Amino acid sequence: MKSGAVKLGTRRSALALWQTKNVIADLEAAHPELRCEIVEIVTSGDKKQNDVTSLRDKKEWIVELEAELLAGRIDLAVHSGKDVPIDIEEGTTICSVQERASAFDAYVLQGALRSAEPSGKEEALDFLPPSAVVGTASARRRAQLLSLRPDLSIAPIRGNVPTRLRKLQESETMSAIVLAEAGLKRLGLEEQQSGVFTASELLPAVNQGILVVQYLESNTEVAKLISKLVVPETQLVFSTERKIIELLGADCRSCVGVFAEVADSGELALEVSVFSPDGSEKISASGSSTADD
């Protein structure tokens, strides 16, 4: 790397490529002498993302990227924070980069419902008809949607963001889908969203809206380059939310929402909820403390 370009590994989806190009832009702005190169990698998660019957594991989205990293064929990997499991490969480390984008979930309505949606709503999901079908493959979203509206029918829907939007509009049964607002905005598709859930309605996934990079612990050169992109407040909520998931022993099949944010006062606020799969039971905790606690 000392004499060549910094190689950034990424998945091939439009969102993953956007995220990587965005990180490269910041890297090159911080280090004008730097040359960067994108290495596109197909992961196990990509190969199975349209299979609604397969059990999923976050590791599927990054395992091939980690292999390329350990083999020295890339210098760092760019991930969506919510896709990175606790058990990253030994010898590698991760940190957040840039400011956190929206952590929240957005909903997109089917065409007919979209045009009829009221301008405001008293409670979450009131705009959906009784027994409406909502698309999501997330256990966390499923549990929280059913907690808000037990009458809803949840349909598994997978694929990248444009694919899910297309599946919604082609469906004869689905009324809406739920997906991360950050992904819609990063792809310039925010006009597609009908609204955004608050944290009190749908608690986000761990590190949703946060970009992270993974590199070899021994690679001090990359660590120095990346340090210019680290935002202390984002790194704080990144590490706090990951620690909660580690303590709970949660994974992508767990119905867990977690959201940390740094207030203007400098205090760190944290909210966590664990749901039963059908949303009928919930355990929640929240609190705040000084950021260095």
Protein backbone atom coordinates (compact mmCIF):
# COMPACT_ATOMS: atom_id res chain seq x y z
CA MET A 1 0.00 0.00 0.00
CA LYS A 2 2.89 2.39 0.63
CA SER A 3 3.59 2.57 -3.11
CA GLY A 4 0.11 1.88 -4.49
CA ALA A 5 -3.54 2.68 -4.06
CA VAL A 6 -5.54 2.00 -0.91
CA LYS A 7 -7.90 -0.83 -1.80
CA LEU A 8 -11.39 -0.60 -0.33
CA GLY A 9 -13.51 -3.76 -0.40
CA THR A 10 -17.25 -3.49 -0.77
CA ARG A 11 -20.35 -5.40 -1.78
CA ARG A 12 -21.71 -4.69 -5.26
CA SER A 13 -25.11 -3.30 -4.37
CA ALA A 14 -25.86 0.28 -5.37
CA LEU A 15 -26.06 1.28 -1.70
CA ALA A 16 -22.77 -0.41 -0.76
CA LEU A 17 -21.00 1.22 -3.71
CA TRP A 18 -22.44 4.64 -2.83
CA GLN A 19 -21.22 4.25 0.74
CA THR A 20 -17.72 3.23 -0.36
CA LYS A 21 -17.43 6.07 -2.87
CA ASN A 22 -18.55 8.48 -0.16
CA VAL A 23 -15.84 7.20 2.21
CA ILE A 24 -13.27 7.50 -0.60
CA ALA A 25 -14.30 11.11 -1.23
CA ASP A 26 -13.68 11.95 2.42
CA LEU A 27 -10.40 10.02 2.51
CA GLU A 28 -9.08 11.80 -0.57
CA ALA A 29 -10.21 15.17 0.79
CA ALA A 30 -8.37 14.50 4.05
CA HIS A 31 -5.31 13.08 2.25
CA PRO A 32 -4.96 14.76 -1.18
CA GLU A 33 -1.97 12.60 -2.09
CA LEU A 34 -3.96 9.39 -1.60
CA ARG A 35 -5.10 7.09 -4.41
CA CYS A 36 -8.01 4.78 -3.72
CA GLU A 37 -9.34 1.76 -5.57
CA ILE A 38 -12.68 -0.04 -5.16
CA VAL A 39 -12.66 -3.85 -5.05
CA GLU A 40 -16.17 -5.27 -5.54
CA ILE A 41 -16.85 -8.53 -3.71
CA VAL A 42 -19.91 -10.80 -3.84
CA THR A 43 -20.81 -12.07 -0.36
CA SER A 44 -22.81 -15.09 0.78
CA GLY A 45 -25.58 -12.69 1.84
CA ASP A 46 -25.76 -11.26 -1.68
CA LYS A 47 -26.13 -14.72 -3.17
CA LYS A 48 -29.02 -15.60 -0.85
CA GLN A 49 -30.69 -12.23 -0.36
CA ASN A 50 -33.77 -13.09 -2.43
CA ASP A 51 -34.30 -16.43 -0.68
CA VAL A 52 -36.98 -15.76 1.93
CA THR A 53 -36.74 -19.33 3.26
CA SER A 54 -33.08 -19.27 4.32
CA LEU A 55 -31.98 -18.48 7.86
CA ARG A 56 -29.84 -15.37 7.87
CA ASP A 57 -26.73 -14.41 9.77
CA LYS A 58 -25.03 -11.02 9.69
CA LYS A 59 -21.73 -12.78 9.04
CA GLU A 60 -22.99 -13.66 5.55
CA TRP A 61 -22.75 -10.01 4.55
CA ILE A 62 -19.09 -9.60 5.50
CA VAL A 63 -17.32 -12.99 5.61
CA GLU A 64 -15.87 -12.77 2.08
CA LEU A 65 -14.78 -9.19 2.72
CA GLU A 66 -13.00 -10.34 5.87
CA ALA A 67 -11.28 -13.13 3.94
CA GLU A 68 -9.96 -10.63 1.39
CA LEU A 69 -8.80 -8.39 4.21
CA LEU A 70 -6.93 -11.19 6.01
CA ALA A 71 -5.37 -12.30 2.72
CA GLY A 72 -4.04 -8.78 2.13
CA ARG A 73 -5.95 -8.30 -1.12
CA ILE A 74 -7.79 -5.27 0.28
CA ASP A 75 -6.67 -2.71 2.86
CA LEU A 76 -10.03 -2.04 4.43
CA ALA A 77 -13.67 -3.01 4.05
CA VAL A 78 -16.62 -0.62 4.16
CA HIS A 79 -19.80 -1.86 5.84
CA SER A 80 -23.19 -0.64 6.99
CA GLY A 81 -22.85 -0.68 10.76
CA LYS A 82 -26.03 -2.70 11.25
CA ASP A 83 -24.63 -5.51 9.05
CA VAL A 84 -21.56 -6.16 11.21
CA PRO A 85 -21.87 -8.94 13.82
CA ILE A 86 -20.09 -8.87 17.16
CA ASP A 87 -17.84 -11.79 16.17
CA ILE A 88 -15.58 -10.14 13.61
CA GLU A 89 -12.45 -12.04 12.57
CA GLU A 90 -9.53 -12.12 14.98
CA GLY A 91 -6.81 -9.71 13.96
CA THR A 92 -9.24 -7.16 12.54
CA THR A 93 -10.83 -4.11 14.10
CA ILE A 94 -13.68 -1.78 13.19
CA CYS A 95 -14.55 1.85 13.80
CA SER A 96 -17.22 4.24 12.66
CA VAL A 97 -16.56 6.92 10.03
CA GLN A 98 -18.42 10.15 9.27
CA GLU A 99 -21.47 11.46 11.09
CA ARG A 100 -24.37 9.13 11.64
CA ALA A 101 -27.13 9.43 9.05
CA SER A 102 -30.75 8.84 10.08
CA ALA A 103 -31.00 5.89 12.46
CA PHE A 104 -34.72 5.50 11.91
CA ASP A 105 -37.00 3.28 9.86
CA ALA A 106 -39.13 4.67 7.06
CA TYR A 107 -42.30 3.25 5.56
CA VAL A 108 -43.23 3.22 1.89
CA LEU A 109 -46.87 2.79 0.92
CA GLN A 110 -48.36 1.03 -2.08
CA GLY A 111 -49.45 3.43 -4.81
CA ALA A 112 -53.19 3.59 -4.00
CA LEU A 113 -52.62 3.96 -0.27
CA ARG A 114 -49.92 6.54 -0.88
CA SER A 115 -52.29 8.88 -2.67
CA ALA A 116 -54.95 8.41 0.03
CA GLU A 117 -52.65 8.78 3.06
CA PRO A 118 -53.82 11.46 5.51
CA SER A 119 -51.54 14.43 6.18
CA GLY A 120 -51.11 13.44 9.82
CA LYS A 121 -51.71 10.47 12.10
CA GLU A 122 -52.52 10.22 15.77
CA GLU A 123 -50.77 6.89 16.26
CA ALA A 124 -48.24 4.86 14.31
CA LEU A 125 -49.68 2.83 11.42
CA ASP A 126 -53.22 4.21 11.78
CA PHE A 127 -53.16 4.92 8.06
CA LEU A 128 -53.09 1.20 7.20
CA PRO A 129 -56.37 -0.71 6.77
CA PRO A 130 -57.26 -3.59 9.13
CA SER A 131 -55.19 -6.77 8.57
CA ALA A 132 -52.94 -4.96 6.11
CA VAL A 133 -49.87 -6.80 4.79
CA VAL A 134 -46.55 -5.09 5.57
CA GLY A 135 -43.31 -6.32 4.05
CA THR A 136 -40.11 -6.81 6.05
CA ALA A 137 -37.70 -9.68 6.67
CA SER A 138 -36.38 -8.10 9.89
CA ALA A 139 -37.32 -9.90 13.13
CA ARG A 140 -36.92 -6.60 14.99
CA ARG A 141 -39.26 -4.70 12.68
CA ARG A 142 -41.76 -7.57 12.61
CA ALA A 143 -42.01 -7.71 16.42
CA GLN A 144 -42.38 -3.96 16.81
CA LEU A 145 -44.94 -3.63 14.02
CA LEU A 146 -47.03 -6.37 15.61
CA SER A 147 -46.63 -4.71 19.00
CA LEU A 148 -48.13 -1.55 17.52
CA ARG A 149 -50.73 -3.30 15.36
CA PRO A 150 -51.36 -6.98 16.24
CA ASP A 151 -53.81 -7.27 13.34
CA LEU A 152 -51.11 -6.73 10.73
CA SER A 153 -49.86 -9.55 8.56
CA ILE A 154 -46.07 -9.43 8.08
CA ALA A 155 -44.70 -10.72 4.78
CA PRO A 156 -40.99 -11.48 4.35
CA ILE A 157 -39.45 -9.33 1.64
CA ARG A 158 -35.76 -9.30 0.73
CA GLY A 159 -33.40 -7.81 -1.80
CA ASN A 160 -31.57 -4.52 -2.12
CA VAL A 161 -33.46 -1.25 -1.69
CA PRO A 162 -34.57 -0.79 -5.35
CA THR A 163 -35.64 -4.45 -5.50
CA ARG A 164 -37.82 -4.12 -2.41
CA LEU A 165 -39.41 -0.95 -3.75
CA ARG A 166 -40.16 -2.72 -7.03
CA LYS A 167 -41.62 -5.76 -5.24
CA LEU A 168 -43.95 -3.50 -3.26
CA GLN A 169 -45.31 -1.74 -6.33
CA GLU A 170 -45.74 -5.06 -8.20
CA SER A 171 -47.47 -6.76 -5.26
CA GLU A 172 -51.23 -7.23 -5.27
CA THR A 173 -51.36 -7.86 -1.50
CA MET A 174 -48.75 -5.71 0.27
CA SER A 175 -49.84 -2.33 1.61
CA ALA A 176 -46.41 -1.10 2.70
CA ILE A 177 -42.79 -2.00 3.36
CA VAL A 178 -40.46 -0.80 6.10
CA LEU A 179 -36.77 -0.10 5.50
CA ALA A 180 -33.98 2.16 6.74
CA GLU A 181 -34.41 5.85 5.95
CA ALA A 182 -30.62 6.21 5.61
CA GLY A 183 -30.55 3.79 2.67
CA LEU A 184 -33.32 5.62 0.84
CA LYS A 185 -31.61 8.98 1.31
CA ARG A 186 -28.18 7.72 0.28
CA LEU A 187 -29.64 6.44 -3.00
CA GLY A 188 -31.61 9.61 -3.63
CA LEU A 189 -34.91 7.77 -3.16
CA GLU A 190 -36.24 9.73 -0.19
CA GLU A 191 -39.23 10.90 -2.26
CA GLN A 192 -40.40 7.28 -2.21
CA GLN A 193 -40.90 7.24 1.54
CA SER A 194 -44.32 8.06 2.96
CA GLY A 195 -43.10 8.72 6.48
CA VAL A 196 -40.56 7.93 9.18
CA PHE A 197 -41.10 6.16 12.48
CA THR A 198 -39.89 7.81 15.67
CA ALA A 199 -37.76 5.85 18.15
CA SER A 200 -40.82 5.54 20.41
CA GLU A 201 -42.69 3.83 17.57
CA LEU A 202 -39.96 1.64 16.07
CA LEU A 203 -36.66 1.47 17.92
CA PRO A 204 -33.82 1.23 15.37
CA ALA A 205 -31.41 -1.60 14.76
CA VAL A 206 -27.96 -1.44 16.31
CA ASN A 207 -25.76 1.06 14.43
CA GLN A 208 -28.41 1.77 11.79
CA GLY A 209 -27.30 4.78 9.72
CA ILE A 210 -23.63 4.40 10.73
CA LEU A 211 -20.88 3.58 8.23
CA VAL A 212 -17.98 1.52 9.55
CA VAL A 213 -14.63 0.39 8.19
CA GLN A 214 -12.81 -2.82 9.08
CA TYR A 215 -9.06 -3.27 8.75
CA LEU A 216 -6.17 -5.27 10.19
CA GLU A 217 -5.23 -4.34 13.74
CA SER A 218 -1.59 -4.43 12.65
CA ASN A 219 -2.13 -1.93 9.82
CA THR A 220 -1.20 1.31 11.59
CA GLU A 221 -0.96 3.11 8.25
CA VAL A 222 -4.64 2.55 7.48
CA ALA A 223 -5.59 3.36 11.08
CA LYS A 224 -3.88 6.74 10.74
CA LEU A 225 -5.65 7.47 7.44
CA ILE A 226 -9.06 6.54 8.83
CA SER A 227 -8.63 8.52 12.05
CA LYS A 228 -9.37 11.71 10.09
CA LEU A 229 -12.86 10.42 9.30
CA VAL A 230 -13.86 9.43 12.84
CA VAL A 231 -16.50 11.67 14.46
CA PRO A 232 -16.24 11.31 18.28
CA GLU A 233 -20.00 11.50 18.92
CA THR A 234 -20.75 8.87 16.26
CA GLN A 235 -17.97 6.62 17.52
CA LEU A 236 -19.43 6.90 21.03
CA VAL A 237 -22.95 5.83 20.04
CA PHE A 238 -21.49 3.18 17.72
CA SER A 239 -19.51 1.53 20.51
CA THR A 240 -22.31 1.95 23.07
CA GLU A 241 -24.94 0.25 20.90
CA ARG A 242 -22.57 -2.58 19.95
CA LYS A 243 -21.76 -3.16 23.62
CA ILE A 244 -25.46 -3.50 24.45
CA ILE A 245 -25.92 -6.12 21.71
CA GLU A 246 -22.83 -7.97 22.97
CA LEU A 247 -24.16 -7.96 26.57
CA LEU A 248 -27.56 -9.23 25.41
CA GLY A 249 -26.02 -11.90 23.20
CA ALA A 250 -28.28 -10.66 20.39
CA ASP A 251 -27.94 -11.29 16.66
CA CYS A 252 -29.91 -10.48 13.49
CA ARG A 253 -32.59 -12.99 14.47
CA SER A 254 -33.15 -11.26 17.83
CA CYS A 255 -36.03 -8.84 18.28
CA VAL A 256 -33.93 -6.07 19.80
CA GLY A 257 -34.02 -2.32 19.22
CA VAL A 258 -31.35 0.01 20.56
CA PHE A 259 -30.73 3.72 20.13
CA ALA A 260 -28.04 5.91 21.64
CA GLU A 261 -27.55 9.60 20.99
CA VAL A 262 -25.43 12.41 22.37
CA ALA A 263 -27.49 15.38 23.51
CA ASP A 264 -26.45 19.01 23.09
CA SER A 265 -25.56 18.96 26.79
CA GLY A 266 -23.01 16.23 26.08
CA GLU A 267 -25.01 13.55 27.91
CA LEU A 268 -25.38 10.13 26.33
CA ALA A 269 -28.98 8.89 26.20
CA LEU A 270 -29.71 5.21 25.65
CA GLU A 271 -32.91 3.27 25.00
CA VAL A 272 -33.16 -0.51 24.59
CA SER A 273 -36.13 -2.84 24.04
CA VAL A 274 -36.33 -6.62 23.69
CA PHE A 275 -39.51 -8.06 22.12
CA SER A 276 -41.02 -11.49 21.81
CA PRO A 277 -41.20 -12.54 18.12
CA ASP A 278 -44.94 -11.85 17.95
CA GLY A 279 -44.59 -8.46 19.62
CA SER A 280 -46.91 -9.37 22.51
CA GLU A 281 -44.20 -8.98 25.17
CA LYS A 282 -41.61 -6.27 25.62
CA ILE A 283 -38.88 -5.42 28.12
CA SER A 284 -37.52 -1.88 27.89
CA ALA A 285 -34.88 0.16 29.66
CA SER A 286 -33.64 3.70 29.14
CA GLY A 287 -31.40 6.20 30.83
CA SER A 288 -28.74 8.83 30.36
CA SER A 289 -25.31 9.57 31.75
CA THR A 290 -22.19 11.53 31.04
CA ALA A 291 -20.52 10.57 27.77
CA ASP A 292 -17.40 9.31 29.53
CA ASP A 293 -19.33 6.91 31.80
